[in-house]
Amino acid sequence: MTIGERLKEERERLALSQTALAAIGGVGKTTQINYEKGLRNPDSAYLTAVAEQGVDLLYVLKGSRSVDSSSGGEVNGLDGGSHNDTLLMGGDLCPIHLYDIEAAAGDGRSLEAEEVETTIYFPGEQLAAQGLDPAHVVGVKVRGDSMDGTLADGDWVLVDRSQREPKPEGVFLLLVHGERRIKRVQRVAGGAWLLISDNDHYQPELIKPEDMKDVAILGRCEIRIGRIT
């Protein structure tokens, strides 16, 4: 079976119409039809959205169930981190865990200590083309409107945890006083940092050198996954 045929089978398993699954995935019905006919391949934003509604991505992409559905287990393996990461789907696709940073506990805990909200799969060569090593990439959900104009509430962002220095300047996942935030970081004279919200309703926050002990860069935000508005 092709990816399109397995996608159709998953849609029918969930008792969804083409229109309904298309809406969940943020595409039109014609695009959904083309996916199922194999005329187009779904992108990561679509796959992330439909996975949250119960579509088994492992099955759609490789034909193997995450968990045997006949056993009564969770079919799509999105059960808070119990997914077996050794299932790399032939070695071509890499699992990227997605975390809700608002739900995360903070206080210096690593993301790995938090609950995985879902897992998506990316072709390793596509990540490599973006200069990303899958071993250092996680996804986090954007919360709030402070980064409006760049990132919207509910978007997902792929974060490269190997990039923990604000050079070059950019958008970073930070731990600030035990709270995880996504901000634009700019270095200023004297070794201080400005934490900038792209929504101009929020004022920049100055982090003085003597306060750096309360701030840590957890990774650089590299790729946005979200709906087109």
Protein backbone atom coordinates (compact mmCIF):
# COMPACT_ATOMS: atom_id res chain seq x y z
CA MET A 1 0.00 0.00 0.00
CA THR A 2 1.10 3.56 -0.65
CA ILE A 3 1.24 6.40 1.87
CA GLY A 4 -1.93 7.80 0.33
CA GLU A 5 -3.77 4.50 0.65
CA ARG A 6 -2.73 4.10 4.29
CA LEU A 7 -3.76 7.69 4.99
CA LYS A 8 -7.18 6.93 3.54
CA GLU A 9 -7.40 3.78 5.65
CA GLU A 10 -6.58 5.78 8.80
CA ARG A 11 -9.19 8.37 7.90
CA GLU A 12 -11.81 5.68 7.49
CA ARG A 13 -10.70 3.99 10.74
CA LEU A 14 -11.39 7.25 12.53
CA ALA A 15 -14.73 7.62 10.71
CA LEU A 16 -13.74 10.98 9.21
CA SER A 17 -14.75 12.37 5.84
CA GLN A 18 -12.16 13.77 3.47
CA THR A 19 -13.49 17.24 4.23
CA ALA A 20 -13.17 16.69 7.98
CA LEU A 21 -9.61 15.36 7.90
CA ALA A 22 -8.60 18.09 5.46
CA ALA A 23 -9.90 20.71 7.89
CA ILE A 24 -8.01 19.10 10.77
CA GLY A 25 -4.82 19.14 8.70
CA GLY A 26 -5.33 22.74 7.61
CA VAL A 27 -5.72 21.93 3.90
CA GLY A 28 -8.56 21.87 1.39
CA LYS A 29 -10.56 18.82 0.35
CA THR A 30 -8.86 18.72 -3.05
CA THR A 31 -5.46 18.54 -1.36
CA GLN A 32 -6.71 15.71 0.86
CA ILE A 33 -7.90 13.83 -2.23
CA ASN A 34 -4.52 14.34 -3.87
CA TYR A 35 -2.78 13.02 -0.76
CA GLU A 36 -4.89 9.88 -0.78
CA LYS A 37 -4.35 9.36 -4.53
CA GLY A 38 -0.60 9.75 -4.11
CA LEU A 39 -0.48 12.85 -6.32
CA ARG A 40 1.00 14.92 -3.49
CA ASN A 41 2.83 14.13 -0.26
CA PRO A 42 1.59 15.62 3.03
CA ASP A 43 3.93 18.05 4.76
CA SER A 44 5.00 18.06 8.40
CA ALA A 45 2.41 20.64 9.50
CA TYR A 46 -0.42 18.49 8.14
CA LEU A 47 1.01 15.31 9.66
CA THR A 48 1.43 16.96 13.06
CA ALA A 49 -2.17 18.19 13.06
CA VAL A 50 -3.75 14.88 12.03
CA ALA A 51 -1.57 12.92 14.46
CA GLU A 52 -3.06 14.96 17.30
CA GLN A 53 -6.48 13.67 16.20
CA GLY A 54 -5.42 10.02 16.31
CA VAL A 55 -3.89 9.27 12.90
CA ASP A 56 -1.12 6.69 13.29
CA LEU A 57 1.82 8.36 11.53
CA LEU A 58 4.08 5.34 11.83
CA TYR A 59 1.52 3.28 9.95
CA VAL A 60 0.82 5.97 7.34
CA LEU A 61 4.50 6.52 6.56
CA LYS A 62 5.89 2.99 6.86
CA GLY A 63 3.00 0.57 7.19
CA SER A 64 3.83 -0.54 10.75
CA ARG A 65 1.47 0.11 13.64
CA SER A 66 2.90 2.00 16.64
CA VAL A 67 0.87 -0.37 18.83
CA ASP A 68 -1.24 -3.29 17.70
CA SER A 69 -4.74 -1.78 17.51
CA SER A 70 -6.29 -5.19 18.07
CA SER A 71 -4.76 -5.28 21.54
CA GLY A 72 -6.77 -2.28 22.63
CA GLY A 73 -3.61 -0.21 23.09
CA GLU A 74 -3.03 3.34 21.94
CA VAL A 75 -2.76 3.10 18.16
CA ASN A 76 -0.69 6.12 17.32
CA GLY A 77 1.84 5.89 20.12
CA LEU A 78 1.19 9.43 21.37
CA ASP A 79 0.89 8.38 24.97
CA GLY A 80 3.18 10.78 26.75
CA GLY A 81 6.53 9.34 25.81
CA SER A 82 6.13 5.57 25.82
CA HIS A 83 6.80 5.41 22.07
CA ASN A 84 9.78 3.20 21.27
CA ASP A 85 12.40 5.42 19.66
CA THR A 86 14.11 2.43 18.09
CA LEU A 87 11.30 2.46 15.54
CA LEU A 88 13.03 4.78 13.09
CA MET A 89 10.99 3.52 10.14
CA GLY A 90 13.79 2.03 8.11
CA GLY A 91 16.32 4.59 9.34
CA ASP A 92 15.00 7.22 6.91
CA LEU A 93 12.72 9.09 9.30
CA CYS A 94 13.70 10.51 12.65
CA PRO A 95 11.37 10.88 15.64
CA ILE A 96 11.13 14.40 17.05
CA HIS A 97 9.41 14.71 20.43
CA LEU A 98 7.11 17.69 20.92
CA TYR A 99 6.63 19.33 24.32
CA ASP A 100 4.17 21.88 25.63
CA ILE A 101 6.44 24.40 27.36
CA GLU A 102 3.55 25.93 29.33
CA ALA A 103 2.74 22.53 30.81
CA ALA A 104 6.43 21.92 31.54
CA ALA A 105 7.52 22.26 35.15
CA GLY A 106 10.52 24.50 34.60
CA ASP A 107 12.88 25.00 37.55
CA GLY A 108 15.83 23.77 35.52
CA ARG A 109 14.38 20.40 34.62
CA SER A 110 15.45 19.09 31.23
CA LEU A 111 12.77 18.70 28.60
CA GLU A 112 13.39 14.95 28.64
CA ALA A 113 11.96 14.93 32.18
CA GLU A 114 8.69 16.36 30.88
CA GLU A 115 5.75 14.60 29.28
CA VAL A 116 5.92 14.21 25.51
CA GLU A 117 2.74 15.61 23.98
CA THR A 118 3.23 13.94 20.60
CA THR A 119 5.95 12.66 18.28
CA ILE A 120 6.39 13.55 14.63
CA TYR A 121 8.77 12.10 12.07
CA PHE A 122 11.02 14.02 9.69
CA PRO A 123 13.25 12.70 6.89
CA GLY A 124 16.77 12.79 8.29
CA GLU A 125 18.19 14.20 5.08
CA GLN A 126 15.78 17.15 5.20
CA LEU A 127 16.89 17.99 8.75
CA ALA A 128 20.51 17.64 7.68
CA ALA A 129 19.88 20.02 4.79
CA GLN A 130 18.83 22.60 7.38
CA GLY A 131 22.02 21.95 9.34
CA LEU A 132 20.15 20.10 12.08
CA ASP A 133 21.20 16.94 13.89
CA PRO A 134 18.05 15.00 14.89
CA ALA A 135 19.75 13.98 18.14
CA HIS A 136 19.67 17.62 19.25
CA VAL A 137 16.24 18.65 17.94
CA VAL A 138 13.01 18.87 19.94
CA GLY A 139 9.71 20.56 19.21
CA VAL A 140 7.99 22.98 21.58
CA LYS A 141 4.54 24.56 21.44
CA VAL A 142 4.37 28.34 21.37
CA ARG A 143 2.18 29.82 24.09
CA GLY A 144 0.80 33.36 24.22
CA ASP A 145 1.02 36.28 21.81
CA SER A 146 4.36 37.82 22.76
CA MET A 147 6.00 36.61 19.54
CA ASP A 148 3.09 37.51 17.24
CA GLY A 149 4.36 38.44 13.81
CA THR A 150 6.88 35.61 13.94
CA LEU A 151 5.25 32.86 16.01
CA ALA A 152 1.58 32.51 16.87
CA ASP A 153 -0.02 30.90 19.91
CA GLY A 154 -0.31 27.18 19.20
CA ASP A 155 2.48 27.01 16.62
CA TRP A 156 5.15 24.35 16.98
CA VAL A 157 8.83 25.24 16.71
CA LEU A 158 11.77 22.91 16.15
CA VAL A 159 14.57 23.84 18.54
CA ASP A 160 18.24 23.00 18.01
CA ARG A 161 19.53 22.34 21.53
CA SER A 162 23.14 22.31 20.34
CA GLN A 163 22.92 26.08 19.76
CA ARG A 164 23.12 27.65 23.21
CA GLU A 165 24.99 30.88 22.49
CA PRO A 166 23.27 34.04 21.20
CA LYS A 167 25.64 34.25 18.25
CA PRO A 168 24.33 34.92 15.71
CA GLU A 169 21.40 36.72 17.29
CA GLY A 170 18.03 35.07 16.77
CA VAL A 171 15.00 33.50 18.46
CA PHE A 172 15.77 31.14 21.34
CA LEU A 173 14.07 28.89 23.85
CA LEU A 174 15.15 30.24 27.23
CA LEU A 175 14.88 29.35 30.88
CA VAL A 176 14.29 32.63 32.73
CA HIS A 177 13.87 32.44 36.51
CA GLY A 178 12.70 28.83 36.15
CA GLU A 179 10.17 29.63 33.41
CA ARG A 180 10.57 28.55 29.79
CA ARG A 181 10.09 31.34 27.25
CA ILE A 182 10.65 31.93 23.56
CA LYS A 183 12.26 35.31 22.90
CA ARG A 184 14.51 37.08 20.46
CA VAL A 185 17.93 37.56 22.09
CA GLN A 186 20.14 40.53 21.33
CA ARG A 187 23.53 41.20 22.89
CA VAL A 188 24.12 44.75 24.05
CA ALA A 189 27.08 46.73 25.37
CA GLY A 190 28.60 45.57 28.62
CA GLY A 191 27.69 41.90 28.16
CA ALA A 192 23.97 42.32 28.86
CA TRP A 193 21.19 40.70 26.83
CA LEU A 194 17.90 42.10 25.61
CA LEU A 195 15.03 39.61 25.52
CA ILE A 196 12.75 40.95 22.81
CA SER A 197 9.13 40.08 22.04
CA ASP A 198 8.24 40.54 18.37
CA ASN A 199 4.82 41.77 19.46
CA ASP A 200 5.52 45.47 20.10
CA HIS A 201 2.90 45.56 22.87
CA TYR A 202 5.58 43.95 25.06
CA GLN A 203 8.64 45.85 26.25
CA PRO A 204 12.12 44.32 25.90
CA GLU A 205 13.58 42.85 29.08
CA LEU A 206 17.17 43.70 29.97
CA ILE A 207 19.24 40.93 31.53
CA LYS A 208 22.28 42.45 33.23
CA PRO A 209 25.53 40.46 33.49
CA GLU A 210 25.04 39.98 37.23
CA ASP A 211 21.62 38.39 36.55
CA MET A 212 22.87 35.89 33.95
CA LYS A 213 22.83 33.14 36.56
CA ASP A 214 19.02 33.18 36.34
CA VAL A 215 18.93 32.81 32.54
CA ALA A 216 19.91 29.88 30.33
CA ILE A 217 19.59 29.35 26.60
CA LEU A 218 18.06 25.94 25.96
CA GLY A 219 18.32 26.06 22.18
CA ARG A 220 17.84 28.10 19.03
CA CYS A 221 14.41 28.11 17.36
CA GLU A 222 14.96 27.02 13.77
CA ILE A 223 11.75 25.85 12.05
CA ARG A 224 8.16 26.95 12.59
CA ILE A 225 5.23 24.57 12.07
CA GLY A 226 1.88 26.33 12.11
CA ARG A 227 -1.27 27.23 10.26
CA ILE A 228 -1.32 29.83 7.52
CA THR A 229 -3.62 32.71 8.47
